[in-house]
Amino acid sequence: MGIKDDLKNIIQDHFREVTSSLFLDKSLAIIDESAQSRESFMAAADKIYKRTELFIDFGLAKRVYEDLTAHIEKSDMQPGQRRRYPRVTWHRDVEVVHAGTSYKLSSEDLSAGGMYLKAAEPLPVGSELRITLPLENERFISVTGTVVFAKASSGAPSSNPPGMGIKFKGLRDEEVKMLKQHVERLLPQEVSGTSKETAPSPRA
């Protein structure tokens, strides 16, 4: 049984006796339409939360959201559901350019495949960004990314702060290598709880 089936079973357990079949079917369809990724499943859970809070009950919305996200997080660590690249906590200021406008945002985590950026008003899913990342020894790398998951401050309760999940795209082999090496250097520190890396803010 795959993660989609697991999530649909959670929804059925919560909704079967308290919602209409039409509402239940729509909620199941949201899971079916999700891409096979953590970000897409989290976005689906958030959408189901909002629909349930609006049309049914806040308490039920909160319970089903917590069960869905807990299973998504758990499944993300199982064989076959692991991220392609390891991810580390990474609290840094980064420069982001979107549609000709430059922003300075704070990051939450980083991998060679993407990152999570904190933002009170995240950009819509599908938005393309140019991001300048500060590495060690005053080095910087500029990458292109796409918003694949957005969580507004008014969204469902979550372990993530308001912001957006970014998937890097079009990276050259050398850029992937640089990011992997940077993350790998931080992994032992994160495991031991001593990750205190500091570096200059990105260039304006």
Protein backbone atom coordinates (compact mmCIF):
# COMPACT_ATOMS: atom_id res chain seq x y z
CA MET A 1 0.00 0.00 0.00
CA GLY A 2 1.41 3.41 -1.02
CA ILE A 3 1.34 6.70 0.82
CA LYS A 4 -1.66 7.93 -1.18
CA ASP A 5 -3.70 4.94 -0.04
CA ASP A 6 -2.59 5.54 3.55
CA LEU A 7 -3.63 9.19 3.41
CA LYS A 8 -6.97 8.33 1.83
CA ASN A 9 -7.62 5.79 4.60
CA ILE A 10 -6.95 8.50 7.20
CA ILE A 11 -9.46 10.77 5.48
CA GLN A 12 -12.07 8.03 5.29
CA ASP A 13 -11.64 7.20 8.98
CA HIS A 14 -12.30 10.82 9.92
CA PHE A 15 -14.99 11.71 7.38
CA ARG A 16 -16.98 8.54 6.74
CA GLU A 17 -19.60 9.12 9.46
CA VAL A 18 -19.66 12.92 9.63
CA THR A 19 -19.57 14.27 6.07
CA SER A 20 -21.46 13.76 2.84
CA SER A 21 -20.17 11.29 0.28
CA LEU A 22 -19.61 14.23 -2.09
CA PHE A 23 -17.34 16.00 0.42
CA LEU A 24 -15.49 12.77 1.14
CA ASP A 25 -14.98 12.03 -2.57
CA LYS A 26 -13.64 15.54 -3.20
CA SER A 27 -11.17 15.18 -0.32
CA LEU A 28 -9.97 11.83 -1.66
CA ALA A 29 -9.60 13.36 -5.12
CA ILE A 30 -7.29 16.05 -3.70
CA ILE A 31 -4.93 13.30 -2.56
CA ASP A 32 -5.22 11.42 -5.87
CA GLU A 33 -4.30 14.57 -7.80
CA SER A 34 -1.18 15.22 -5.69
CA ALA A 35 2.28 14.63 -7.07
CA GLN A 36 4.38 11.95 -5.37
CA SER A 37 6.31 14.39 -3.18
CA ARG A 38 6.27 15.61 0.40
CA GLU A 39 5.57 19.20 -0.67
CA SER A 40 2.59 18.23 -2.79
CA PHE A 41 1.11 16.03 -0.06
CA MET A 42 1.55 18.80 2.52
CA ALA A 43 -0.21 21.24 0.18
CA ALA A 44 -3.05 18.72 -0.21
CA ALA A 45 -3.34 18.34 3.57
CA ASP A 46 -3.51 22.13 3.91
CA LYS A 47 -6.24 22.33 1.25
CA ILE A 48 -8.30 19.62 2.97
CA TYR A 49 -7.85 21.42 6.30
CA LYS A 50 -9.18 24.69 4.88
CA ARG A 51 -12.20 23.03 3.19
CA THR A 52 -13.07 21.10 6.34
CA GLU A 53 -12.73 24.15 8.58
CA LEU A 54 -14.93 26.19 6.23
CA PHE A 55 -17.68 23.67 5.54
CA ILE A 56 -17.64 21.22 8.48
CA ASP A 57 -15.84 21.93 11.77
CA PHE A 58 -12.58 23.43 13.00
CA GLY A 59 -11.91 20.63 15.47
CA LEU A 60 -12.33 17.96 12.80
CA ALA A 61 -10.19 19.97 10.38
CA LYS A 62 -7.39 20.18 12.94
CA ARG A 63 -7.51 16.45 13.79
CA VAL A 64 -7.43 15.24 10.20
CA TYR A 65 -4.65 17.71 9.31
CA GLU A 66 -2.50 16.57 12.22
CA ASP A 67 -2.97 12.90 11.30
CA LEU A 68 -2.23 13.53 7.62
CA THR A 69 0.91 15.60 8.22
CA ALA A 70 2.21 13.20 10.87
CA HIS A 71 1.95 10.33 8.39
CA ILE A 72 3.56 12.40 5.62
CA GLU A 73 6.50 13.26 7.87
CA LYS A 74 6.86 9.64 8.96
CA SER A 75 6.64 8.27 5.43
CA ASP A 76 9.23 10.77 4.24
CA MET A 77 11.82 8.88 6.29
CA GLN A 78 10.93 5.39 5.10
CA PRO A 79 12.73 3.50 2.27
CA GLY A 80 11.31 4.56 -1.06
CA GLN A 81 10.05 7.84 0.37
CA ARG A 82 13.38 9.44 1.27
CA ARG A 83 14.40 12.73 -0.20
CA ARG A 84 16.83 12.47 -3.08
CA TYR A 85 19.25 14.72 -1.20
CA PRO A 86 19.79 15.02 2.57
CA ARG A 87 18.37 18.19 4.11
CA VAL A 88 19.78 20.20 7.02
CA THR A 89 18.49 23.02 9.18
CA TRP A 90 19.95 26.19 7.68
CA HIS A 91 18.98 29.58 9.14
CA ARG A 92 20.50 32.15 6.80
CA ASP A 93 19.55 35.36 4.99
CA VAL A 94 19.34 34.88 1.22
CA GLU A 95 18.70 37.22 -1.67
CA VAL A 96 15.67 36.32 -3.79
CA VAL A 97 14.73 37.94 -7.10
CA HIS A 98 11.24 37.45 -8.54
CA ALA A 99 9.79 39.33 -11.54
CA GLY A 100 12.56 41.92 -11.33
CA THR A 101 12.06 42.64 -7.61
CA SER A 102 14.68 41.71 -5.03
CA TYR A 103 13.82 40.47 -1.54
CA LYS A 104 15.87 39.38 1.46
CA LEU A 105 14.33 36.30 3.08
CA SER A 106 15.43 33.89 5.79
CA SER A 107 15.86 30.21 5.08
CA GLU A 108 14.66 27.34 7.26
CA ASP A 109 16.50 24.42 5.66
CA LEU A 110 18.62 23.47 2.65
CA SER A 111 19.48 20.52 0.42
CA ALA A 112 21.16 20.15 -2.95
CA GLY A 113 17.67 19.89 -4.46
CA GLY A 114 15.82 22.72 -2.76
CA MET A 115 15.09 24.71 0.38
CA TYR A 116 12.38 26.25 2.54
CA LEU A 117 12.16 30.05 2.75
CA LYS A 118 10.23 31.86 5.48
CA ALA A 119 7.84 34.49 4.13
CA ALA A 120 4.76 36.11 5.65
CA GLU A 121 3.26 36.34 2.16
CA PRO A 122 4.67 33.44 0.12
CA LEU A 123 4.63 33.60 -3.66
CA PRO A 124 2.16 31.39 -5.56
CA VAL A 125 3.07 27.81 -6.42
CA GLY A 126 4.83 27.78 -9.79
CA SER A 127 6.62 31.10 -9.30
CA GLU A 128 10.22 31.11 -10.54
CA LEU A 129 12.93 32.72 -8.43
CA ARG A 130 16.62 33.51 -8.64
CA ILE A 131 18.24 32.85 -5.26
CA THR A 132 21.73 33.83 -4.08
CA LEU A 133 22.97 31.46 -1.37
CA PRO A 134 25.89 32.30 0.94
CA LEU A 135 28.24 29.37 1.43
CA GLU A 136 31.33 29.09 3.62
CA ASN A 137 34.51 31.15 3.09
CA GLU A 138 32.53 34.12 1.74
CA ARG A 139 31.49 32.19 -1.37
CA PHE A 140 28.09 32.59 -3.01
CA ILE A 141 26.10 30.52 -5.47
CA SER A 142 23.18 31.79 -7.56
CA VAL A 143 20.50 29.25 -8.48
CA THR A 144 17.06 29.17 -10.10
CA GLY A 145 14.16 27.67 -8.19
CA THR A 146 10.42 27.07 -8.47
CA VAL A 147 7.87 27.40 -5.65
CA VAL A 148 6.37 23.93 -5.19
CA PHE A 149 4.65 24.47 -1.83
CA ALA A 150 3.38 27.61 -0.08
CA LYS A 151 2.07 28.00 3.46
CA ALA A 152 0.41 31.30 4.34
CA SER A 153 0.25 32.57 7.91
CA SER A 154 -3.50 31.92 7.89
CA GLY A 155 -3.08 28.29 6.86
CA ALA A 156 -3.35 25.12 8.90
CA PRO A 157 -1.22 24.49 11.97
CA SER A 158 2.19 23.16 10.94
CA SER A 159 5.73 22.62 12.16
CA ASN A 160 6.88 24.90 9.33
CA PRO A 161 6.61 28.70 9.71
CA PRO A 162 4.76 30.60 6.96
CA GLY A 163 6.79 30.43 3.78
CA MET A 164 7.44 28.40 0.65
CA GLY A 165 9.19 25.25 -0.41
CA ILE A 166 11.59 25.77 -3.32
CA LYS A 167 12.79 23.15 -5.79
CA PHE A 168 16.02 24.04 -7.58
CA LYS A 169 16.03 23.62 -11.35
CA GLY A 170 18.60 23.62 -14.13
CA LEU A 171 21.57 23.26 -11.81
CA ARG A 172 24.92 22.53 -13.42
CA ASP A 173 26.84 19.51 -12.16
CA GLU A 174 29.35 21.80 -10.45
CA GLU A 175 26.56 23.66 -8.63
CA VAL A 176 25.02 20.41 -7.41
CA LYS A 177 28.44 19.30 -6.21
CA MET A 178 28.98 22.57 -4.30
CA LEU A 179 25.60 22.33 -2.58
CA LYS A 180 26.06 18.65 -1.69
CA GLN A 181 29.48 19.35 -0.19
CA HIS A 182 28.11 22.29 1.80
CA VAL A 183 25.21 20.22 3.19
CA GLU A 184 27.48 17.25 3.94
CA ARG A 185 29.78 19.49 5.97
CA LEU A 186 26.81 20.58 8.08
CA LEU A 187 25.32 17.11 8.60
CA PRO A 188 27.72 15.96 11.38
CA GLN A 189 27.17 19.26 13.22
CA GLU A 190 23.39 18.93 13.01
CA VAL A 191 23.47 15.35 14.29
CA SER A 192 25.58 16.41 17.26
CA GLY A 193 23.42 19.49 17.85
CA THR A 194 26.28 21.93 17.37
CA SER A 195 25.43 23.53 14.02
CA LYS A 196 26.25 27.21 14.57
CA GLU A 197 27.51 28.19 11.13
CA THR A 198 27.75 31.90 10.42
CA ALA A 199 28.61 33.75 7.24
CA PRO A 200 28.10 37.16 5.65
CA SER A 201 24.69 38.14 4.33
CA PRO A 202 24.22 37.79 0.56
CA ARG A 203 25.26 40.66 -1.63
CA ALA A 204 22.64 43.30 -2.35
